[in-house]
Amino acid sequence: MRAPFVPASRVLALQLHAGMSGFAALDGFGLVSGSWKTSRVVTRSANALTRYLRWLVLRFRPSVVVLGVSRRTAAADTRLRRLACRALHSLGVPTVVRHVHEAYALLRGRIRGAHREELATTIVEGFLPELVGAARLKRIGDRRSAWHAIAVALVELVRRYPLSAAALATPYAFSILPFRTALAKAEVETSPEPL
């Protein structure tokens, strides 16, 4: 039996909070099936978090894991990120930490949104139109950590795999100047010299 195809540009992002955590996996084809979730159970104990991370890595086979940091980060959230970093290091998975404000800067050109649903709306219109049903105001609030996971995954996809990010982008995304600028810069930095 052949192993399923896994793109080399798969990014798994986690937004860990003591209350509700979210995760998402993105690649050049979009949101990986079954990868956009929120959970309260994940962060109940260090062992639960370690088991969950191991399962995520085996299930989604990411080339990199992004740990998201929101504007309001508590000591418990910092502790969870440290535990996650250690667990992911032991699994041999490259891990980076990205702040949600980096996603706002990339997708909106500023550090904060003008309204609560602005980041989610930009993600739907610019990259993942299949999530249009999930972009209703109440559902955005219920899944805020999962939306933030998608946002930081997009930041990392642009930085490491600009062609995959460009493949996801809709014409609306290309109208966002900070996104276009970051994409062009990343393309220059990641591409080999022309022949």
Protein backbone atom coordinates (compact mmCIF):
# COMPACT_ATOMS: atom_id res chain seq x y z
CA MET A 1 0.00 0.00 0.00
CA ARG A 2 1.39 3.40 -1.02
CA ALA A 3 1.74 6.16 1.53
CA PRO A 4 -0.44 9.20 0.83
CA PHE A 5 1.18 12.15 -0.91
CA VAL A 6 2.24 14.84 1.58
CA PRO A 7 3.44 18.16 0.13
CA ALA A 8 6.86 19.27 1.35
CA SER A 9 5.39 22.65 2.19
CA ARG A 10 2.93 21.54 4.88
CA VAL A 11 2.72 23.90 7.86
CA LEU A 12 1.01 22.86 11.09
CA ALA A 13 0.09 25.73 13.39
CA LEU A 14 -1.03 25.58 17.01
CA GLN A 15 -2.52 28.36 19.09
CA LEU A 16 -2.20 27.00 22.63
CA HIS A 17 -4.21 28.49 25.49
CA ALA A 18 -4.98 27.16 28.95
CA GLY A 19 -8.69 27.36 28.07
CA MET A 20 -9.30 26.72 24.38
CA SER A 21 -6.59 25.75 21.90
CA GLY A 22 -6.79 25.56 18.13
CA PHE A 23 -4.80 24.04 15.30
CA ALA A 24 -4.71 24.05 11.52
CA ALA A 25 -2.55 22.51 8.79
CA LEU A 26 -2.02 24.33 5.50
CA ASP A 27 -0.14 23.58 2.32
CA GLY A 28 -0.27 24.82 -1.27
CA PHE A 29 -3.54 22.95 -1.79
CA GLY A 30 -5.34 24.63 1.10
CA LEU A 31 -6.53 23.57 4.51
CA VAL A 32 -5.66 19.92 5.06
CA SER A 33 -8.77 17.81 5.58
CA GLY A 34 -9.63 17.36 9.26
CA SER A 35 -6.98 19.81 10.43
CA TRP A 36 -9.00 22.81 11.59
CA LYS A 37 -10.12 22.25 15.14
CA THR A 38 -10.40 23.68 18.63
CA SER A 39 -10.08 21.71 21.85
CA ARG A 40 -10.12 22.20 25.61
CA VAL A 41 -8.80 18.71 26.39
CA VAL A 42 -5.37 19.18 24.79
CA THR A 43 -3.95 21.38 27.52
CA ARG A 44 -5.21 19.56 30.63
CA SER A 45 -1.79 18.02 31.36
CA ALA A 46 1.72 17.86 29.96
CA ASN A 47 1.18 14.21 29.02
CA ALA A 48 -2.06 15.00 27.19
CA LEU A 49 -0.35 17.78 25.26
CA THR A 50 2.64 15.57 24.36
CA ARG A 51 0.37 12.73 23.16
CA TYR A 52 -1.72 15.17 21.15
CA LEU A 53 1.34 16.73 19.49
CA ARG A 54 2.71 13.29 18.61
CA TRP A 55 -0.66 12.39 17.06
CA LEU A 56 -0.78 15.67 15.08
CA VAL A 57 2.75 15.18 13.71
CA LEU A 58 2.03 11.58 12.68
CA ARG A 59 -1.34 12.49 11.19
CA PHE A 60 -0.37 15.61 9.23
CA ARG A 61 3.39 15.12 8.65
CA PRO A 62 4.30 18.83 8.73
CA SER A 63 7.57 20.21 7.42
CA VAL A 64 7.40 22.85 10.18
CA VAL A 65 5.22 23.55 13.22
CA VAL A 66 4.28 27.11 14.16
CA LEU A 67 3.33 27.95 17.73
CA GLY A 68 1.16 31.05 17.80
CA VAL A 69 1.28 33.81 20.39
CA SER A 70 -1.75 36.05 20.83
CA ARG A 71 -1.79 39.62 22.14
CA ARG A 72 -3.05 38.56 25.55
CA THR A 73 -0.71 35.79 26.57
CA ALA A 74 -0.79 34.39 30.09
CA ALA A 75 1.95 32.59 32.03
CA ALA A 76 0.05 29.32 31.54
CA ASP A 77 0.09 29.85 27.76
CA THR A 78 3.85 30.46 27.82
CA ARG A 79 4.33 27.26 29.82
CA LEU A 80 2.26 25.33 27.24
CA ARG A 81 4.40 26.67 24.38
CA ARG A 82 7.59 25.62 26.21
CA LEU A 83 6.19 22.12 26.75
CA ALA A 84 5.17 21.97 23.10
CA CYS A 85 8.63 23.11 21.94
CA ARG A 86 10.31 20.36 23.98
CA ALA A 87 7.89 17.70 22.73
CA LEU A 88 8.25 18.77 19.09
CA HIS A 89 12.04 18.94 19.41
CA SER A 90 12.06 15.34 20.67
CA LEU A 91 10.00 14.40 17.58
CA GLY A 92 12.56 16.09 15.32
CA VAL A 93 10.11 18.61 13.87
CA PRO A 94 11.35 22.15 13.14
CA THR A 95 9.38 24.60 15.30
CA VAL A 96 9.00 28.37 15.20
CA VAL A 97 7.03 30.85 17.29
CA ARG A 98 5.00 33.53 15.52
CA HIS A 99 2.88 36.32 16.99
CA VAL A 100 -0.66 36.85 15.73
CA HIS A 101 0.21 40.52 15.16
CA GLU A 102 2.56 39.31 12.38
CA ALA A 103 -0.49 37.89 10.61
CA TYR A 104 -2.39 41.17 11.01
CA ALA A 105 0.61 43.04 9.58
CA LEU A 106 0.86 40.61 6.64
CA LEU A 107 -2.86 40.42 5.85
CA ARG A 108 -4.18 43.80 6.96
CA GLY A 109 -1.14 46.07 6.97
CA ARG A 110 -1.46 46.90 10.67
CA ILE A 111 -0.94 45.21 14.03
CA ARG A 112 -4.59 45.11 15.16
CA GLY A 113 -7.89 44.59 13.43
CA ALA A 114 -10.54 47.29 13.22
CA HIS A 115 -13.20 44.76 14.30
CA ARG A 116 -13.23 41.24 15.77
CA GLU A 117 -13.97 39.33 12.60
CA GLU A 118 -11.56 41.21 10.33
CA LEU A 119 -8.76 38.62 10.35
CA ALA A 120 -11.14 35.70 9.72
CA THR A 121 -12.88 37.59 6.91
CA THR A 122 -9.53 38.34 5.25
CA ILE A 123 -8.49 34.67 5.51
CA VAL A 124 -11.75 33.54 3.87
CA GLU A 125 -11.73 36.17 1.12
CA GLY A 126 -8.01 35.96 0.45
CA PHE A 127 -7.07 32.31 0.88
CA LEU A 128 -9.73 29.83 2.03
CA PRO A 129 -13.12 30.65 0.50
CA GLU A 130 -14.35 27.18 1.49
CA LEU A 131 -14.58 28.47 5.10
CA VAL A 132 -17.19 31.11 4.24
CA GLY A 133 -19.83 29.36 6.39
CA ALA A 134 -17.51 29.43 9.41
CA ALA A 135 -16.94 33.18 9.09
CA ARG A 136 -20.19 34.18 10.77
CA LEU A 137 -19.66 36.40 13.82
CA LYS A 138 -20.65 33.85 16.51
CA ARG A 139 -18.65 31.05 14.93
CA ILE A 140 -15.56 33.28 14.67
CA GLY A 141 -15.63 33.91 18.42
CA ASP A 142 -16.10 30.22 19.20
CA ARG A 143 -13.10 29.29 17.06
CA ARG A 144 -10.82 32.28 17.60
CA SER A 145 -7.80 30.12 18.45
CA ALA A 146 -8.31 28.06 15.27
CA TRP A 147 -8.53 31.24 13.17
CA HIS A 148 -5.32 32.48 14.79
CA ALA A 149 -3.67 29.14 13.98
CA ILE A 150 -4.57 29.57 10.30
CA ALA A 151 -3.24 33.13 10.39
CA VAL A 152 0.17 32.22 11.79
CA ALA A 153 0.34 29.23 9.41
CA LEU A 154 -0.14 31.66 6.51
CA VAL A 155 2.69 33.84 7.82
CA GLU A 156 5.02 30.85 7.88
CA LEU A 157 3.82 29.57 4.50
CA VAL A 158 4.67 32.96 2.96
CA ARG A 159 8.11 33.05 4.59
CA ARG A 160 9.20 29.47 3.86
CA TYR A 161 7.10 28.39 0.89
CA PRO A 162 6.04 31.47 -1.07
CA LEU A 163 4.95 29.49 -4.13
CA SER A 164 2.55 27.46 -1.97
CA ALA A 165 1.21 30.67 -0.42
CA ALA A 166 0.76 32.17 -3.89
CA ALA A 167 -1.12 29.04 -5.00
CA LEU A 168 -3.59 29.54 -2.14
CA ALA A 169 -4.07 33.26 -2.72
CA THR A 170 -7.17 34.59 -4.43
CA PRO A 171 -7.14 37.81 -6.49
CA TYR A 172 -8.29 39.59 -3.31
CA ALA A 173 -5.12 38.44 -1.47
CA PHE A 174 -2.96 39.84 -4.24
CA SER A 175 -4.65 43.22 -3.73
CA ILE A 176 -3.18 43.33 -0.20
CA LEU A 177 0.08 45.27 -0.52
CA PRO A 178 1.88 43.84 2.58
CA PHE A 179 1.08 40.29 1.40
CA ARG A 180 2.39 40.96 -2.12
CA THR A 181 5.53 42.61 -0.75
CA ALA A 182 6.25 39.76 1.70
CA LEU A 183 5.60 37.17 -1.01
CA ALA A 184 8.04 38.85 -3.43
CA LYS A 185 10.69 39.18 -0.71
CA ALA A 186 10.32 35.53 0.33
CA GLU A 187 10.48 34.38 -3.29
CA VAL A 188 13.82 36.14 -3.72
CA GLU A 189 15.16 34.72 -0.44
CA THR A 190 14.05 31.12 -1.01
CA SER A 191 14.68 30.72 -4.74
CA PRO A 192 18.05 29.71 -6.13
CA GLU A 193 19.95 32.12 -8.32
CA PRO A 194 18.62 32.33 -11.89
CA LEU A 195 20.52 30.34 -14.49
